[in-house]
Every structure is written in structure tokens, then in C-alpha cells.
Amino acid sequence: MQEQRWQAAFWLLVVGSWVTGVVYGKWLDGDTGFFVDLSQAVSVTTPFSLEFWWQPLAYFVLTVISVFALSQLGFGAGAGVFLFARGTYDSTLITQLETTVGGWSLTNVPIDESFKILIIGLILAVNLPLCLWAAHLGTQRSVYLLQRLRGVPVKPEFGSVPLSSFLMILAASVAVGLIATFLFSYA
């Protein structure tokens, strides 16, 4: 039962900090420069600023790895900080998505912009959930290490499952990164 409470607390931390970051970036603060700069460690750059064909693949894979690693800082506190920063950055992506699509008419849809909008859709619909899951697993792994350092008995699965699940996240991230790379080559 205690593991279920930990799991719920991890999800609350991860999703709550990202949602708070989106709300802060979109509605509460006009200048989110510091948090957007901090989010560069855990977010995919907007497709409007990508230059090379391989960059979407690299960003999709490296964001998941960095979220998993950085969420273990401070025994899980890093997840809250970095996902809040990711939320502030994602609020700018959402705003770009709104303004770009809002400028389209039914008869005038620019093809190059539509591919970039598809990449933003992949970032928000696929990369973001993978990053949230990776942060959840990172916080679980960090709490496992903290409990082991304290000498508290913990089931071994509580610490080993995050590593095996992370490999699945990494494989999915590579697949989505390849799709984004394909879309970017046409943008």
C-alpha cells in the first residue's frame, strides 16, 4: 500500500509541476526568460528554430534522457523544478501553435507551416507524456536510493522497474524522433 501512495505522490509532483509551469508561463507572467532558459535542458526546441534534419531525433531522445537524470537530483525535487521550467516553455509552444493555426484560413494552409505544426503536435502529444513518465520513473528511482541510504527495507522491484521501463520510453522516443525527423525534412 505504501508503494501505491508513493506512485500517486510521484505523479502529483510530476504532472502538477508541469501544469503549474504552463499556467505560470501562459497566464501569470509575461516574461518567463529564466525558466525558459532552464527548460532548455529538458525540452524540444521549437521546429521554427531547427536548422538540420537530424536535430528532431536528437532532441526527442535527449529530452527523455535528461528528464530521467535530472529528476533524480535532490531525491526527486529536480523533477518539480525542471518540469515547471518545461511547462513554462511548453506554454510558449502552445502560444506559437495557437497563433500559427489562427492565421490560417480553410483555403490557405501553408504546407511548410503544417509540417512544423505536426512536429509541435508530436512534442506536446508524444514527447511530453514520455518525459512525464521518465520524470516519474526518475523520482521513483531517487526515492528508492534515498530509502536504501536510510537503511529502510524496500522491495527491489521498486528500484529496478524504473530502469527497465525507461528503456521502453527510450525506444518510443527514438521512434517518434524518427517520425519528427521525417516530417522536418519536408518542412
Protein backbone atom coordinates (compact mmCIF):
# COMPACT_ATOMS: atom_id res chain seq x y z
CA MET A 1 0.00 0.00 0.00
CA GLN A 2 2.84 2.38 0.75
CA GLU A 3 4.21 1.92 -2.78
CA GLN A 4 0.84 3.00 -4.22
CA ARG A 5 0.99 6.18 -2.16
CA TRP A 6 4.49 6.84 -3.41
CA GLN A 7 3.37 6.30 -7.01
CA ALA A 8 0.49 8.75 -6.57
CA ALA A 9 2.80 11.30 -4.96
CA PHE A 10 5.26 10.98 -7.85
CA TRP A 11 2.53 11.56 -10.43
CA LEU A 12 1.20 14.52 -8.45
CA LEU A 13 4.66 16.06 -8.31
CA VAL A 14 5.41 15.46 -11.99
CA VAL A 15 2.11 16.46 -13.57
CA GLY A 16 1.36 19.19 -11.04
CA SER A 17 4.68 20.95 -11.58
CA TRP A 18 4.29 20.84 -15.37
CA VAL A 19 0.71 22.17 -15.23
CA THR A 20 1.78 24.90 -12.81
CA GLY A 21 4.55 25.84 -15.25
CA VAL A 22 2.10 26.08 -18.15
CA VAL A 23 -0.28 28.23 -16.11
CA TYR A 24 2.59 30.43 -14.94
CA GLY A 25 4.03 30.83 -18.42
CA LYS A 26 0.74 31.40 -20.23
CA TRP A 27 -1.34 33.49 -17.86
CA LEU A 28 0.62 34.71 -14.85
CA ASP A 29 3.89 36.06 -16.16
CA GLY A 30 4.72 37.92 -19.33
CA ASP A 31 8.47 37.35 -19.00
CA THR A 32 9.48 33.76 -18.31
CA GLY A 33 13.06 34.14 -19.53
CA PHE A 34 14.80 32.38 -16.63
CA PHE A 35 12.51 29.36 -16.70
CA VAL A 36 12.61 29.10 -20.48
CA ASP A 37 16.41 29.15 -20.28
CA LEU A 38 16.32 26.47 -17.58
CA SER A 39 13.94 24.37 -19.65
CA GLN A 40 16.47 24.05 -22.46
CA ALA A 41 17.85 21.05 -20.59
CA VAL A 42 14.56 19.13 -20.80
CA SER A 43 12.58 20.44 -23.78
CA VAL A 44 12.46 20.07 -27.53
CA THR A 45 13.31 23.23 -29.43
CA THR A 46 10.53 24.72 -31.50
CA PRO A 47 10.59 23.46 -35.10
CA PHE A 48 10.70 27.06 -36.29
CA SER A 49 14.25 27.32 -34.94
CA LEU A 50 15.59 23.91 -36.01
CA GLU A 51 18.17 24.01 -38.77
CA PHE A 52 19.42 20.49 -39.52
CA TRP A 53 17.49 17.32 -40.41
CA TRP A 54 18.93 15.29 -37.50
CA GLN A 55 18.02 17.75 -34.75
CA PRO A 56 14.46 16.48 -34.08
CA LEU A 57 15.74 12.96 -33.45
CA ALA A 58 18.46 14.20 -31.12
CA TYR A 59 16.09 16.47 -29.19
CA PHE A 60 13.37 13.83 -28.81
CA VAL A 61 15.84 11.28 -27.42
CA LEU A 62 17.95 13.62 -25.30
CA THR A 63 14.97 15.28 -23.60
CA VAL A 64 13.78 11.95 -22.24
CA ILE A 65 17.27 11.04 -21.03
CA SER A 66 17.80 14.43 -19.40
CA VAL A 67 14.40 14.41 -17.69
CA PHE A 68 15.10 10.97 -16.24
CA ALA A 69 18.54 12.01 -14.99
CA LEU A 70 17.63 15.50 -13.74
CA SER A 71 14.52 14.30 -11.94
CA GLN A 72 16.79 12.34 -9.62
CA LEU A 73 18.50 15.49 -8.36
CA GLY A 74 17.62 16.33 -4.80
CA PHE A 75 15.96 12.93 -4.38
CA GLY A 76 13.07 13.86 -6.66
CA ALA A 77 12.98 17.63 -6.19
CA GLY A 78 14.67 18.10 -9.55
CA ALA A 79 11.57 16.74 -11.25
CA GLY A 80 9.46 19.55 -9.84
CA VAL A 81 11.90 22.27 -10.81
CA PHE A 82 12.72 21.08 -14.31
CA LEU A 83 9.17 20.13 -15.22
CA PHE A 84 7.95 23.52 -14.03
CA ALA A 85 10.53 25.03 -16.38
CA ARG A 86 9.42 22.67 -19.15
CA GLY A 87 5.82 23.79 -18.57
CA THR A 88 6.76 27.45 -18.99
CA TYR A 89 8.49 26.58 -22.27
CA ASP A 90 5.58 24.44 -23.44
CA SER A 91 3.28 27.39 -22.84
CA THR A 92 5.27 29.28 -25.49
CA LEU A 93 4.88 26.29 -27.83
CA ILE A 94 1.13 26.30 -27.21
CA THR A 95 1.03 30.03 -27.95
CA GLN A 96 3.00 29.50 -31.19
CA LEU A 97 0.60 26.76 -32.14
CA GLU A 98 -2.40 29.00 -31.49
CA THR A 99 -1.04 31.97 -33.43
CA THR A 100 0.17 29.92 -36.39
CA VAL A 101 -3.03 27.93 -36.80
CA GLY A 102 -5.11 31.02 -36.05
CA GLY A 103 -3.55 32.74 -39.06
CA TRP A 104 -4.68 30.04 -41.44
CA SER A 105 -7.85 30.01 -43.44
CA LEU A 106 -9.59 26.92 -44.72
CA THR A 107 -8.44 27.61 -48.27
CA ASN A 108 -4.94 28.79 -47.36
CA VAL A 109 -2.93 26.26 -45.34
CA PRO A 110 0.84 26.67 -45.88
CA ILE A 111 2.40 23.24 -46.31
CA ASP A 112 5.73 24.12 -44.68
CA GLU A 113 3.96 25.50 -41.61
CA SER A 114 1.66 22.49 -41.42
CA PHE A 115 4.65 20.12 -41.12
CA LYS A 116 6.07 22.29 -38.34
CA ILE A 117 2.71 22.25 -36.59
CA LEU A 118 2.74 18.45 -36.82
CA ILE A 119 6.14 18.45 -35.12
CA ILE A 120 4.78 20.68 -32.33
CA GLY A 121 1.88 18.23 -32.06
CA LEU A 122 4.36 15.36 -31.66
CA ILE A 123 6.21 17.33 -29.00
CA LEU A 124 3.07 18.01 -26.98
CA ALA A 125 1.21 14.76 -27.62
CA VAL A 126 4.03 12.21 -27.51
CA ASN A 127 7.32 13.64 -26.22
CA LEU A 128 5.69 15.40 -23.28
CA PRO A 129 3.95 12.26 -21.91
CA LEU A 130 7.17 10.29 -22.39
CA CYS A 131 9.07 12.97 -20.47
CA LEU A 132 6.47 12.98 -17.70
CA TRP A 133 6.73 9.21 -17.45
CA ALA A 134 10.53 9.41 -17.40
CA ALA A 135 10.37 12.01 -14.62
CA HIS A 136 8.04 9.75 -12.66
CA LEU A 137 10.49 6.88 -13.02
CA GLY A 138 13.40 9.13 -12.10
CA THR A 139 11.71 10.29 -8.90
CA GLN A 140 10.83 6.68 -8.07
CA ARG A 141 14.45 5.67 -8.56
CA SER A 142 15.72 8.57 -6.44
CA VAL A 143 13.35 7.77 -3.56
CA TYR A 144 14.46 4.14 -3.77
CA LEU A 145 18.07 5.26 -3.41
CA LEU A 146 17.14 7.55 -0.51
CA GLN A 147 15.34 4.72 1.28
CA ARG A 148 18.34 2.43 0.74
CA LEU A 149 20.69 5.08 2.14
CA ARG A 150 18.48 5.39 5.21
CA GLY A 151 18.50 1.62 5.70
CA VAL A 152 14.74 1.29 5.22
CA PRO A 153 13.75 -2.05 3.68
CA VAL A 154 12.38 -1.56 0.18
CA LYS A 155 11.30 -4.13 -2.38
CA PRO A 156 13.99 -4.47 -5.07
CA GLU A 157 11.37 -4.09 -7.82
CA PHE A 158 10.70 -0.56 -6.60
CA GLY A 159 14.19 0.42 -7.76
CA SER A 160 14.74 -1.89 -10.72
CA VAL A 161 11.44 -1.38 -12.55
CA PRO A 162 12.24 2.27 -13.42
CA LEU A 163 15.36 1.26 -15.32
CA SER A 164 13.63 -1.40 -17.42
CA SER A 165 10.64 0.88 -18.08
CA PHE A 166 12.99 3.68 -19.06
CA LEU A 167 14.35 1.53 -21.88
CA MET A 168 10.83 1.27 -23.30
CA ILE A 169 10.47 5.05 -23.08
CA LEU A 170 13.78 5.48 -24.85
CA ALA A 171 12.73 3.15 -27.68
CA ALA A 172 9.44 5.01 -28.12
CA SER A 173 11.30 8.29 -28.10
CA VAL A 174 13.63 7.11 -30.87
CA ALA A 175 10.63 6.04 -32.97
CA VAL A 176 8.87 9.39 -32.52
CA GLY A 177 12.13 11.22 -33.15
CA LEU A 178 12.47 9.42 -36.48
CA ILE A 179 8.93 10.45 -37.43
CA ALA A 180 9.68 14.06 -36.46
CA THR A 181 12.91 13.95 -38.47
CA PHE A 182 10.96 12.70 -41.49
CA LEU A 183 8.39 15.50 -41.08
CA PHE A 184 11.12 18.11 -40.62
CA SER A 185 12.82 17.07 -43.84
CA TYR A 186 9.63 18.09 -45.68
CA ALA A 187 9.12 21.32 -43.74
